[in-house]
Amino acid sequence: WKLRPTGQVVEDLLVFPSNQEFTKVDTGREDDRVYLLQFKNSSRRFFFWMQEPKKETDAENARKLNEYMSNPPPAAGPGGLGDSD
C-alpha cells in the first residue's frame, strides 16, 4: 500500500494466492469506507480506508484486489517485459 499523493510505501506485505481476503467492515456508519485485509492462516489483520474519491467504485476495487490476490498475473520476464514466446 502506498499513499497516493506522495507515492510513499506505507505497508509492504507478502501475500500468497487465496491466503487472504479483503472485505468491507460494517462500522455501523453508512459513509465509512473501512476495509479489512485478513490473513486466513494467522491472526494478522490490517485495516484500510479507501482513498479513491468516488465511493461508487469501492466494491469493484475490492473485488479486483481479491481477484489479483487469488489469481496473480504471471511474473514479468527479464527486463520486466513479460514472456515473448
Protein backbone atom coordinates (compact mmCIF):
# COMPACT_ATOMS: atom_id res chain seq x y z
CA TRP A 1 0.00 0.00 0.00
CA LYS A 2 1.16 3.46 -0.72
CA LEU A 3 -0.02 6.99 -0.14
CA ARG A 4 -1.42 8.28 -3.40
CA PRO A 5 -0.34 11.94 -3.04
CA THR A 6 3.31 11.13 -2.26
CA GLY A 7 3.81 7.57 -3.54
CA GLN A 8 5.32 6.68 -0.15
CA VAL A 9 5.05 2.95 0.63
CA VAL A 10 3.26 2.52 3.96
CA GLU A 11 2.76 -1.26 4.05
CA ASP A 12 4.73 -3.86 2.15
CA LEU A 13 3.00 -7.21 2.66
CA LEU A 14 3.86 -10.63 1.26
CA VAL A 15 0.69 -12.33 0.04
CA PHE A 16 0.13 -15.80 -1.36
CA PRO A 17 -2.75 -16.83 -3.64
CA SER A 18 -6.01 -17.42 -1.73
CA ASN A 19 -4.33 -16.89 1.67
CA GLN A 20 -6.09 -13.62 2.48
CA GLU A 21 -9.34 -11.77 1.94
CA PHE A 22 -10.13 -8.06 1.58
CA THR A 23 -13.64 -7.23 2.83
CA LYS A 24 -15.70 -4.18 3.77
CA VAL A 25 -16.10 -3.59 7.50
CA ASP A 26 -19.56 -2.77 8.81
CA THR A 27 -18.80 0.05 11.24
CA GLY A 28 -22.45 0.95 11.71
CA ARG A 29 -21.86 4.27 9.94
CA GLU A 30 -23.12 4.45 6.36
CA ASP A 31 -20.40 6.74 5.00
CA ASP A 32 -17.43 4.82 6.44
CA ARG A 33 -15.22 3.19 3.81
CA VAL A 34 -13.19 0.85 6.02
CA TYR A 35 -11.83 -2.45 4.66
CA LEU A 36 -10.09 -5.35 6.36
CA LEU A 37 -7.27 -7.44 4.94
CA GLN A 38 -7.46 -10.71 6.89
CA PHE A 39 -4.90 -13.49 6.52
CA LYS A 40 -6.64 -16.88 6.65
CA ASN A 41 -3.92 -18.90 8.37
CA SER A 42 -3.00 -16.37 11.04
CA SER A 43 -4.43 -13.64 13.24
CA ARG A 44 -2.82 -10.87 11.17
CA ARG A 45 -5.32 -8.18 10.25
CA PHE A 46 -4.84 -4.83 8.57
CA PHE A 47 -7.46 -2.09 8.31
CA PHE A 48 -7.54 0.29 5.36
CA TRP A 49 -9.60 3.31 4.41
CA MET A 50 -10.45 3.75 0.75
CA GLN A 51 -8.62 6.69 -0.79
CA GLU A 52 -10.38 6.69 -4.16
CA PRO A 53 -12.54 9.85 -4.27
CA LYS A 54 -15.55 8.01 -5.77
CA LYS A 55 -17.07 5.60 -3.25
CA GLU A 56 -19.16 4.04 -6.04
CA THR A 57 -16.06 2.11 -7.19
CA ASP A 58 -15.21 0.65 -3.75
CA ALA A 59 -16.92 -2.72 -4.25
CA GLU A 60 -15.36 -3.17 -7.70
CA ASN A 61 -11.90 -2.20 -6.44
CA ALA A 62 -12.20 -4.68 -3.54
CA ARG A 63 -13.36 -7.40 -5.96
CA LYS A 64 -10.40 -6.73 -8.26
CA LEU A 65 -7.95 -6.81 -5.35
CA ASN A 66 -9.32 -10.15 -4.15
CA GLU A 67 -9.09 -11.50 -7.71
CA TYR A 68 -5.46 -10.38 -8.08
CA MET A 69 -4.55 -11.89 -4.72
CA SER A 70 -6.25 -15.19 -5.61
CA ASN A 71 -5.06 -15.35 -9.23
CA PRO A 72 -1.97 -13.17 -9.59
CA PRO A 73 -0.80 -12.33 -13.11
CA PRO A 74 2.31 -14.15 -14.32
CA ALA A 75 5.59 -12.61 -13.24
CA ALA A 76 7.35 -10.47 -15.80
CA GLY A 77 10.31 -11.98 -17.60
CA PRO A 78 13.81 -10.50 -17.73
CA GLY A 79 13.69 -6.76 -18.14
CA GLY A 80 10.07 -6.64 -16.94
CA LEU A 81 8.65 -7.11 -20.42
CA GLY A 82 6.93 -10.44 -19.82
CA ASP A 83 7.32 -13.60 -21.85
CA SER A 84 7.82 -13.27 -25.58
CA ASP A 85 7.05 -16.88 -26.59
